[in-house]
Amino acid sequence: MTALHELGARELAAQYGSGALSPVEVVRAVIERIARWEPRLHALWAYAPEAALALARASEARWRARQPLSALDGVPLTLKDNIATRGLAVPLGTAATELVPADEDAPPAARLREAGAVLLAKTTMPDYGMLSSGLSSFHALARNPWNLATNPGGSSAGAGAAAAAGYGPLHLGTDIGGSIRLPAAWCGLVGLKPSLGRVPIKPPYIGRVAGPMTRSVEDAAALMAVVSGPDWRDATSLPPQAIDWNALDLDVRGLRLALLLDAGWGLACDPEIVAAVTRAATLFEQAGASVEPLAPFTTREMADGIDLFWRVRSWLDISALPRARQERVLPFVRQWAAGGALASAAELFHGYGQFAALRDAAVAACQPFDFVLSPVAPLASFAAEHAMPTNDPARAMEHIAYTLAYNMSEQPALSVPCAHHTSGAPIGLQIAGRRHDDLGVLRMARAWERLRPAHALRPWPEPPAS
């Protein structure tokens, strides 16, 4: 039998509806799982098991009365630290934040509360979400359950570790340059960066989205069905649209796919990752799709310009803090942000212009194709203690060459488990679609789950015996 903590959201809804399982049983099983893993992983913040059990008991009563609030009623869930929940502070991963309780739920949290999902905890992240790492000045160092000596990635670090460790089926992260897809790849998960505006978020800004991190495409779709609900507080959100998130079947015959193996800049891609992604493309081709190579469409100038803009923005934010709070920011982040301290207005304007340049290049390159396949990350793992794969503030963007473009272009892009490296680390396959075709990307990923050889994946990691 599948352990309770491993059951997907739709299976749980079916079991709750039939009376075969109770939300209380499931939440207790997840709490037991967390007790075994969490002292090593440090994936959670504001973990509240008793509050979660109270929510589960209320859900149990609704299911018994045949009045569930939604298909996610009673399903265990975590939310990233930076997604506000009423009554809890929003640390943003940094010790520099004053811990003032939020007075309202951010849009995703509001939709999930309305749906009756059981919030277990918030998940850890690095300072201001500006690292692809589990390193933080506020939270304990998050680790990857596949190998505790390695990093889960970030900035949705705790969400990646929690999902891979089996802290229930649903986890919501955020992504501005790869912060959902990178930890999803390194933790062996499905991680969807939706189209900009598909999931309302507060505060919204260029490239920022919230999206699911789960063990399956089906669970990611179940979460999207709720969090994609409208919310006026995000002025960038898309108009409400009737999307059947359950319609995941896709015949790939006749699809035109692109294969991007060279991002054009950044770290050289590990040959094992290139080989794994190439094998995936071959399987799609054998299933009836056409696959064509795609030349790099992003440049070092684009990456450096965006990096400078982000440095300036972070430098201004940090500099506005009282000196004592500035000094609490992780030194790596302070050093990286200081690179923007002396930028001229002309340099800043040029950097800002690279957002549009990258957007236009990505949309144009992808337009001839139904979907684009590529690696997610150029390497399979890096040390738990490092701030990012290079661990060098001067080379902060080198690992996001495959992911960054789709934040700027507003296209949906997803990481789905592809294979395992000889080191044992998971390898992710990125699938990107045209703007607003979020369901199409999920359907492609579901098609891959069915094409993927059984031997490509390994059993989920288990907590050490002692």
Protein backbone atom coordinates (compact mmCIF):
# COMPACT_ATOMS: atom_id res chain seq x y z
CA MET A 1 0.00 0.00 0.00
CA THR A 2 1.04 3.59 -0.66
CA ALA A 3 1.96 5.34 2.58
CA LEU A 4 -0.49 8.09 3.57
CA HIS A 5 2.12 10.84 3.29
CA GLU A 6 2.73 9.80 -0.36
CA LEU A 7 -0.88 9.94 -1.57
CA GLY A 8 -1.64 12.58 -4.19
CA ALA A 9 -4.24 15.29 -3.83
CA ARG A 10 -6.81 13.68 -6.11
CA GLU A 11 -6.42 10.28 -4.46
CA LEU A 12 -6.91 11.91 -1.07
CA ALA A 13 -10.10 13.64 -2.24
CA ALA A 14 -11.46 10.31 -3.50
CA GLN A 15 -10.60 8.58 -0.21
CA TYR A 16 -12.08 11.41 1.86
CA GLY A 17 -15.23 11.32 -0.24
CA SER A 18 -15.69 7.57 0.20
CA GLY A 19 -14.92 7.72 3.91
CA ALA A 20 -11.97 5.35 3.52
CA LEU A 21 -9.62 8.00 4.92
CA SER A 22 -9.92 11.03 7.16
CA PRO A 23 -7.96 14.28 6.81
CA VAL A 24 -6.95 13.81 10.45
CA GLU A 25 -5.33 10.44 9.69
CA VAL A 26 -3.45 11.89 6.75
CA VAL A 27 -2.22 15.00 8.56
CA ARG A 28 -1.03 12.85 11.46
CA ALA A 29 0.91 10.65 9.03
CA VAL A 30 2.55 13.70 7.49
CA ILE A 31 3.40 15.07 10.94
CA GLU A 32 5.11 11.76 11.73
CA ARG A 33 7.05 12.01 8.46
CA ILE A 34 8.14 15.55 9.27
CA ALA A 35 9.33 14.46 12.71
CA ARG A 36 11.69 11.95 11.09
CA TRP A 37 13.09 14.28 8.42
CA GLU A 38 12.91 17.86 9.62
CA PRO A 39 15.81 17.89 12.13
CA ARG A 40 18.08 17.18 9.14
CA LEU A 41 16.35 19.10 6.34
CA HIS A 42 15.28 22.40 7.94
CA ALA A 43 12.64 22.84 5.25
CA LEU A 44 9.97 24.45 7.45
CA TRP A 45 9.32 27.66 9.34
CA ALA A 46 6.31 28.46 11.54
CA TYR A 47 5.49 24.77 11.63
CA ALA A 48 2.22 24.39 13.55
CA PRO A 49 1.15 20.73 13.83
CA GLU A 50 -1.62 21.37 16.36
CA ALA A 51 -3.12 24.12 14.23
CA ALA A 52 -2.90 21.79 11.22
CA LEU A 53 -4.74 19.06 13.13
CA ALA A 54 -7.47 21.53 14.05
CA LEU A 55 -7.90 22.39 10.37
CA ALA A 56 -7.95 18.66 9.56
CA ARG A 57 -10.71 18.02 12.12
CA ALA A 58 -12.82 20.81 10.62
CA SER A 59 -12.25 19.32 7.17
CA GLU A 60 -13.18 15.85 8.43
CA ALA A 61 -16.51 17.21 9.64
CA ARG A 62 -17.20 18.81 6.24
CA TRP A 63 -16.43 15.59 4.37
CA ARG A 64 -18.68 13.58 6.72
CA ALA A 65 -21.47 16.09 6.05
CA ARG A 66 -20.72 15.78 2.32
CA GLN A 67 -20.00 19.51 2.19
CA PRO A 68 -16.29 19.81 1.30
CA LEU A 69 -15.17 23.27 0.28
CA SER A 70 -13.23 21.92 -2.72
CA ALA A 71 -11.31 18.90 -3.96
CA LEU A 72 -8.36 20.15 -1.87
CA ASP A 73 -10.33 20.25 1.38
CA GLY A 74 -8.20 18.51 4.01
CA VAL A 75 -5.16 18.08 1.75
CA PRO A 76 -1.82 18.94 3.47
CA LEU A 77 0.01 21.95 2.08
CA THR A 78 3.01 24.20 2.60
CA LEU A 79 3.54 27.78 1.40
CA LYS A 80 6.85 29.57 0.86
CA ASP A 81 7.91 32.07 3.53
CA ASN A 82 7.34 35.05 1.17
CA ILE A 83 3.65 34.21 0.50
CA ALA A 84 1.86 36.14 3.23
CA THR A 85 -0.58 34.37 5.54
CA ARG A 86 -2.78 36.30 7.93
CA GLY A 87 -1.36 36.51 11.44
CA LEU A 88 2.17 35.35 10.56
CA ALA A 89 5.21 37.49 9.84
CA VAL A 90 6.84 37.35 6.41
CA PRO A 91 10.60 37.10 7.08
CA LEU A 92 11.63 36.96 3.38
CA GLY A 93 14.39 34.61 4.46
CA THR A 94 16.45 37.33 6.12
CA ALA A 95 17.28 38.26 9.70
CA ALA A 96 17.00 41.91 8.62
CA THR A 97 13.19 41.74 8.48
CA GLU A 98 11.09 43.06 11.35
CA LEU A 99 8.68 40.28 12.24
CA VAL A 100 5.33 42.03 11.97
CA PRO A 101 2.31 39.72 11.47
CA ALA A 102 0.66 40.03 8.06
CA ASP A 103 -2.85 41.50 8.23
CA GLU A 104 -4.16 39.50 5.26
CA ASP A 105 -3.49 36.44 3.13
CA ALA A 106 -1.68 36.92 -0.16
CA PRO A 107 -3.85 35.79 -3.10
CA PRO A 108 -2.59 32.16 -3.29
CA ALA A 109 -2.94 31.72 0.46
CA ALA A 110 -6.46 33.20 0.35
CA ARG A 111 -7.58 30.81 -2.40
CA LEU A 112 -6.17 27.80 -0.55
CA ARG A 113 -7.71 28.82 2.77
CA GLU A 114 -11.07 29.18 1.00
CA ALA A 115 -10.56 25.71 -0.48
CA GLY A 116 -10.05 24.12 2.96
CA ALA A 117 -6.48 22.96 2.38
CA VAL A 118 -4.52 22.23 5.57
CA LEU A 119 -1.56 24.59 5.97
CA LEU A 120 1.19 22.73 7.80
CA ALA A 121 3.91 25.36 7.71
CA LYS A 122 5.74 27.96 5.69
CA THR A 123 8.88 26.81 3.85
CA THR A 124 12.35 28.25 4.14
CA MET A 125 14.12 30.48 1.61
CA PRO A 126 17.34 32.53 1.31
CA ASP A 127 17.59 36.27 1.97
CA TYR A 128 15.05 38.15 -0.17
CA GLY A 129 14.88 35.12 -2.49
CA MET A 130 18.03 36.31 -4.24
CA LEU A 131 19.96 33.03 -4.05
CA SER A 132 19.45 29.63 -5.69
CA SER A 133 20.17 28.03 -2.35
CA GLY A 134 18.91 26.95 1.04
CA LEU A 135 21.35 29.34 2.74
CA SER A 136 19.72 32.07 4.83
CA SER A 137 20.55 34.54 7.59
CA PHE A 138 17.17 33.82 9.22
CA HIS A 139 16.37 30.16 8.59
CA ALA A 140 18.54 27.15 9.39
CA LEU A 141 20.43 25.78 6.39
CA ALA A 142 18.06 23.71 4.23
CA ARG A 143 19.40 20.46 2.77
CA ASN A 144 18.46 18.11 -0.05
CA PRO A 145 16.89 14.81 1.07
CA TRP A 146 18.49 12.94 -1.84
CA ASN A 147 21.90 13.76 -0.34
CA LEU A 148 22.15 15.80 2.85
CA ALA A 149 25.55 17.12 1.80
CA THR A 150 23.94 18.86 -1.18
CA ASN A 151 21.73 21.88 -1.66
CA PRO A 152 18.00 21.71 -2.47
CA GLY A 153 18.43 24.83 -4.60
CA GLY A 154 16.33 27.92 -4.28
CA SER A 155 14.96 30.27 -3.68
CA SER A 156 12.03 27.87 -3.04
CA ALA A 157 14.49 25.77 -1.06
CA GLY A 158 12.33 24.47 1.76
CA ALA A 159 9.48 23.71 -0.63
CA GLY A 160 11.77 21.54 -2.74
CA ALA A 161 13.16 19.67 0.25
CA ALA A 162 9.70 19.23 1.80
CA ALA A 163 8.12 17.84 -1.36
CA ALA A 164 10.96 15.39 -2.00
CA ALA A 165 10.89 14.23 1.63
CA GLY A 166 7.15 13.52 1.56
CA TYR A 167 5.70 16.37 3.62
CA GLY A 168 2.35 15.84 1.89
CA PRO A 169 1.45 16.36 -1.77
CA LEU A 170 1.18 20.14 -2.26
CA HIS A 171 3.83 22.85 -1.99
CA LEU A 172 3.73 26.37 -3.43
CA GLY A 173 6.87 28.28 -4.33
CA THR A 174 7.73 31.46 -6.21
CA ASP A 175 10.00 32.05 -9.20
CA ILE A 176 11.66 35.15 -10.67
CA GLY A 177 14.57 33.53 -12.54
CA GLY A 178 14.29 29.81 -11.81
CA SER A 179 13.35 29.64 -8.13
CA ILE A 180 10.68 26.97 -8.64
CA ARG A 181 12.24 25.00 -11.50
CA LEU A 182 15.81 24.79 -10.16
CA PRO A 183 14.94 23.25 -6.77
CA ALA A 184 12.37 21.08 -8.55
CA ALA A 185 15.11 19.73 -10.81
CA TRP A 186 17.60 19.23 -7.99
CA CYS A 187 14.97 17.59 -5.75
CA GLY A 188 13.34 15.41 -8.43
CA LEU A 189 9.99 17.24 -8.58
CA VAL A 190 7.46 18.69 -10.96
CA GLY A 191 7.81 22.46 -10.63
CA LEU A 192 5.66 24.77 -12.75
CA LYS A 193 6.48 28.43 -13.37
CA PRO A 194 3.13 29.59 -14.75
CA SER A 195 2.59 32.38 -17.24
CA LEU A 196 2.94 35.79 -15.62
CA GLY A 197 -0.42 36.67 -14.08
CA ARG A 198 -1.88 33.16 -14.19
CA VAL A 199 -1.57 32.88 -10.40
CA PRO A 200 -2.30 36.24 -8.75
CA ILE A 201 0.43 37.24 -6.31
CA LYS A 202 1.14 40.15 -3.98
CA PRO A 203 3.34 42.05 -4.45
CA PRO A 204 3.65 41.54 -8.22
CA TYR A 205 6.72 42.65 -10.19
CA ILE A 206 8.62 41.80 -13.36
CA GLY A 207 8.94 38.05 -13.83
CA ARG A 208 7.58 37.06 -10.42
CA VAL A 209 5.14 34.15 -10.27
CA ALA A 210 3.87 31.61 -7.76
CA GLY A 211 3.50 27.99 -8.76
CA PRO A 212 3.28 24.37 -7.61
CA MET A 213 6.11 22.07 -6.55
CA THR A 214 4.82 18.51 -6.35
CA ARG A 215 5.75 14.88 -6.98
CA SER A 216 3.45 14.56 -9.99
CA VAL A 217 1.92 16.55 -12.82
CA GLU A 218 -1.54 15.58 -11.57
CA ASP A 219 -0.87 17.22 -8.20
CA ALA A 220 0.53 20.33 -9.86
CA ALA A 221 -2.66 20.62 -11.94
CA ALA A 222 -4.83 20.13 -8.85
CA LEU A 223 -3.04 23.00 -7.12
CA MET A 224 -3.30 25.23 -10.20
CA ALA A 225 -7.06 24.68 -10.30
CA VAL A 226 -7.32 26.58 -7.00
CA VAL A 227 -4.49 29.14 -6.98
CA SER A 228 -5.23 30.40 -10.50
CA GLY A 229 -8.47 31.92 -9.22
CA PRO A 230 -8.79 35.68 -9.76
CA ASP A 231 -7.75 38.35 -7.26
CA TRP A 232 -8.04 42.08 -7.92
CA ARG A 233 -4.99 42.86 -5.75
CA ASP A 234 -2.63 41.72 -8.52
CA ALA A 235 -2.99 44.31 -11.28
CA THR A 236 -0.92 42.10 -13.61
CA SER A 237 -3.17 39.05 -13.24
CA LEU A 238 -4.74 37.51 -16.32
CA PRO A 239 -8.50 37.67 -16.89
CA PRO A 240 -10.40 34.74 -15.35
CA GLN A 241 -10.42 31.80 -17.74
CA ALA A 242 -12.27 28.49 -17.63
CA ILE A 243 -9.44 25.94 -17.77
CA ASP A 244 -10.09 22.24 -17.25
CA TRP A 245 -6.99 21.43 -15.24
CA ASN A 246 -8.08 17.77 -15.15
CA ALA A 247 -7.73 17.47 -18.95
CA LEU A 248 -4.13 16.26 -18.94
CA ASP A 249 -4.23 13.72 -21.79
CA LEU A 250 -2.21 14.72 -24.86
CA ASP A 251 -1.38 12.94 -28.11
CA VAL A 252 2.07 14.22 -29.04
CA ARG A 253 1.85 13.03 -32.64
CA GLY A 254 2.36 15.93 -35.00
CA LEU A 255 3.69 18.33 -32.38
CA ARG A 256 6.65 20.47 -33.41
CA LEU A 257 9.23 20.51 -30.60
CA ALA A 258 12.48 22.42 -30.26
CA LEU A 259 15.53 21.07 -28.44
CA LEU A 260 17.74 23.71 -26.80
CA LEU A 261 20.95 22.21 -25.43
CA ASP A 262 23.19 25.31 -25.44
CA ALA A 263 21.79 28.33 -23.59
CA GLY A 264 24.37 30.67 -25.12
CA TRP A 265 26.01 31.75 -21.86
CA GLY A 266 26.50 30.55 -18.29
CA LEU A 267 28.02 27.36 -16.94
CA ALA A 268 28.74 24.57 -19.40
CA CYS A 269 26.09 21.88 -19.14
CA ASP A 270 27.10 18.54 -17.61
CA PRO A 271 27.31 15.96 -20.43
CA GLU A 272 25.11 13.55 -18.44
CA ILE A 273 22.36 16.18 -18.31
CA VAL A 274 22.69 16.87 -22.04
CA ALA A 275 22.44 13.14 -22.73
CA ALA A 276 19.37 12.71 -20.49
CA VAL A 277 17.50 15.60 -22.13
CA THR A 278 18.48 14.34 -25.58
CA ARG A 279 17.09 10.89 -24.73
CA ALA A 280 13.83 12.49 -23.65
CA ALA A 281 13.59 14.35 -26.96
CA THR A 282 14.23 11.09 -28.81
CA LEU A 283 11.35 9.40 -26.97
CA PHE A 284 9.00 12.25 -27.93
CA GLU A 285 10.19 11.86 -31.51
CA GLN A 286 9.55 8.11 -31.45
CA ALA A 287 6.03 8.88 -30.16
CA GLY A 288 5.31 10.95 -33.26
CA ALA A 289 6.50 14.48 -32.54
CA SER A 290 9.07 16.24 -34.67
CA VAL A 291 12.15 17.59 -32.88
CA GLU A 292 14.38 20.34 -34.26
CA PRO A 293 17.50 21.87 -32.72
CA LEU A 294 17.11 25.42 -31.40
CA ALA A 295 20.07 27.79 -31.44
CA PRO A 296 20.79 29.96 -28.37
CA PHE A 297 18.58 33.04 -28.26
CA THR A 298 19.84 34.73 -25.08
CA THR A 299 23.10 36.61 -24.65
CA ARG A 300 25.61 37.56 -22.02
CA GLU A 301 24.59 41.21 -22.47
CA MET A 302 21.00 40.35 -21.52
CA ALA A 303 22.10 38.39 -18.45
CA ASP A 304 24.55 41.03 -17.25
CA GLY A 305 22.03 43.83 -17.72
CA ILE A 306 19.36 42.06 -15.71
CA ASP A 307 21.91 41.13 -13.06
CA LEU A 308 22.91 44.79 -12.72
CA PHE A 309 19.31 45.93 -12.43
CA TRP A 310 18.63 43.38 -9.69
CA ARG A 311 21.81 44.39 -7.87
CA VAL A 312 20.79 48.06 -7.90
CA ARG A 313 17.29 47.25 -6.71
CA SER A 314 18.62 45.10 -3.87
CA TRP A 315 21.28 47.66 -2.96
CA LEU A 316 18.64 50.38 -2.65
CA ASP A 317 16.40 48.13 -0.55
CA ILE A 318 19.22 47.11 1.80
CA SER A 319 20.66 50.64 2.03
CA ALA A 320 17.27 51.96 3.15
CA LEU A 321 17.42 49.78 6.27
CA PRO A 322 18.90 51.04 9.56
CA ARG A 323 22.59 50.12 9.80
CA ALA A 324 22.00 47.41 12.41
CA ARG A 325 19.47 45.68 10.15
CA GLN A 326 21.71 46.01 7.08
CA GLU A 327 24.37 44.04 8.91
CA ARG A 328 21.95 41.16 9.50
CA VAL A 329 21.57 40.50 5.76
CA LEU A 330 23.56 37.47 4.60
CA PRO A 331 27.08 38.73 3.74
CA PHE A 332 26.99 37.02 0.33
CA VAL A 333 23.81 38.91 -0.60
CA ARG A 334 25.25 42.21 0.67
CA GLN A 335 28.38 41.66 -1.39
CA TRP A 336 26.37 40.79 -4.50
CA ALA A 337 24.07 43.82 -4.10
CA ALA A 338 27.04 46.14 -3.56
CA GLY A 339 27.90 45.55 -7.22
CA GLY A 340 25.05 47.93 -8.04
CA ALA A 341 26.09 50.71 -5.66
CA LEU A 342 27.99 52.77 -8.24
CA ALA A 343 25.91 52.06 -11.33
CA SER A 344 25.20 55.11 -13.47
CA ALA A 345 21.73 56.06 -14.67
CA ALA A 346 22.75 55.05 -18.20
CA GLU A 347 23.94 51.63 -17.03
CA LEU A 348 20.75 51.10 -15.04
CA PHE A 349 18.57 52.11 -17.99
CA HIS A 350 20.49 49.74 -20.26
CA GLY A 351 20.10 46.95 -17.72
CA TYR A 352 16.38 47.55 -17.48
CA GLY A 353 16.16 47.43 -21.27
CA GLN A 354 17.53 43.89 -21.24
CA PHE A 355 14.30 42.60 -19.68
CA ALA A 356 12.46 43.56 -22.88
CA ALA A 357 15.30 42.38 -25.10
CA LEU A 358 15.24 38.95 -23.49
CA ARG A 359 11.44 38.79 -23.59
CA ASP A 360 11.30 39.57 -27.30
CA ALA A 361 14.12 37.15 -28.15
CA ALA A 362 12.50 34.29 -26.25
CA VAL A 363 9.02 34.81 -27.68
CA ALA A 364 10.39 35.02 -31.24
CA ALA A 365 12.60 31.93 -30.84
CA CYS A 366 9.81 29.80 -29.38
CA GLN A 367 6.97 30.96 -31.64
CA PRO A 368 7.54 28.39 -34.46
CA PHE A 369 7.27 25.51 -31.97
CA ASP A 370 4.55 24.01 -29.84
CA PHE A 371 7.00 23.42 -26.99
CA VAL A 372 10.72 23.80 -26.23
CA LEU A 373 12.71 21.09 -24.42
CA SER A 374 15.93 21.88 -22.56
CA PRO A 375 17.88 21.19 -19.39
CA VAL A 376 16.72 23.05 -16.29
CA ALA A 377 20.12 23.44 -14.68
CA PRO A 378 23.61 22.93 -16.07
CA LEU A 379 24.73 20.78 -13.11
CA ALA A 380 23.11 18.07 -11.00
CA SER A 381 24.04 19.24 -7.50
CA PHE A 382 26.22 21.54 -5.42
CA ALA A 383 27.32 21.81 -1.79
CA ALA A 384 24.66 22.47 0.84
CA GLU A 385 26.65 25.31 2.36
CA HIS A 386 27.07 27.25 -0.89
CA ALA A 387 25.01 30.31 -1.75
CA MET A 388 24.75 29.17 -5.38
CA PRO A 389 26.58 26.75 -7.67
CA THR A 390 29.50 29.14 -8.38
CA ASN A 391 29.47 30.42 -4.78
CA ASP A 392 30.81 33.65 -6.27
CA PRO A 393 28.83 36.94 -6.08
CA ALA A 394 30.58 38.12 -9.26
CA ARG A 395 29.16 35.11 -11.16
CA ALA A 396 25.68 35.03 -9.72
CA MET A 397 23.72 34.30 -12.91
CA GLU A 398 25.75 31.44 -14.40
CA HIS A 399 23.36 28.64 -13.41
CA ILE A 400 20.08 30.25 -14.58
CA ALA A 401 20.79 30.50 -18.31
CA TYR A 402 18.12 27.91 -19.17
CA THR A 403 15.43 29.25 -16.84
CA LEU A 404 15.67 33.06 -16.80
CA ALA A 405 14.30 33.71 -20.28
CA TYR A 406 10.83 32.33 -19.55
CA ASN A 407 10.32 34.63 -16.56
CA MET A 408 11.01 37.63 -18.77
CA SER A 409 8.97 36.32 -21.72
CA GLU A 410 6.00 35.47 -19.44
CA GLN A 411 5.86 31.94 -20.90
CA PRO A 412 4.94 28.89 -18.81
CA ALA A 413 7.89 26.59 -18.15
CA LEU A 414 8.09 23.44 -16.08
CA SER A 415 10.68 21.08 -14.65
CA VAL A 416 9.77 17.40 -14.66
CA PRO A 417 12.00 14.52 -13.49
CA CYS A 418 13.95 13.11 -16.40
CA ALA A 419 16.64 10.78 -15.10
CA HIS A 420 19.24 10.41 -12.37
CA HIS A 421 22.88 11.43 -12.56
CA THR A 422 25.54 8.82 -11.78
CA SER A 423 25.99 10.70 -8.50
CA GLY A 424 22.39 9.77 -7.64
CA ALA A 425 21.09 13.33 -7.98
CA PRO A 426 17.89 13.89 -9.97
CA ILE A 427 17.99 15.53 -13.42
CA GLY A 428 15.15 17.77 -14.59
CA LEU A 429 13.75 18.23 -18.10
CA GLN A 430 12.42 21.74 -18.81
CA ILE A 431 9.33 22.06 -21.00
CA ALA A 432 8.39 25.59 -22.07
CA GLY A 433 5.28 26.60 -23.97
CA ARG A 434 3.82 29.65 -25.63
CA ARG A 435 2.53 32.48 -23.45
CA HIS A 436 -0.57 31.53 -21.45
CA ASP A 437 -0.52 27.84 -22.51
CA ASP A 438 -0.06 26.63 -18.94
CA LEU A 439 -2.34 23.66 -19.44
CA GLY A 440 -0.41 22.66 -22.57
CA VAL A 441 2.86 22.58 -20.63
CA LEU A 442 1.27 20.40 -17.95
CA ARG A 443 -0.15 18.10 -20.61
CA MET A 444 3.27 17.74 -22.22
CA ALA A 445 4.79 16.93 -18.85
CA ARG A 446 2.07 14.32 -18.26
CA ALA A 447 2.86 12.82 -21.66
CA TRP A 448 6.50 12.65 -20.58
CA GLU A 449 5.58 10.90 -17.33
CA ARG A 450 3.98 8.19 -19.49
CA LEU A 451 6.85 7.98 -21.99
CA ARG A 452 9.59 8.05 -19.35
CA PRO A 453 11.19 4.63 -18.78
CA ALA A 454 10.51 3.19 -15.34
CA HIS A 455 14.24 2.74 -14.76
CA ALA A 456 14.83 6.49 -15.22
CA LEU A 457 13.60 7.22 -11.69
CA ARG A 458 14.60 5.92 -8.28
CA PRO A 459 12.53 5.45 -5.10
CA TRP A 460 11.96 8.61 -3.05
CA PRO A 461 14.58 9.18 -0.34
CA GLU A 462 13.91 7.92 3.16
CA PRO A 463 15.10 9.58 6.37
CA PRO A 464 18.28 8.18 7.89
CA ALA A 465 17.71 5.54 10.55
CA SER A 466 19.43 7.60 13.22
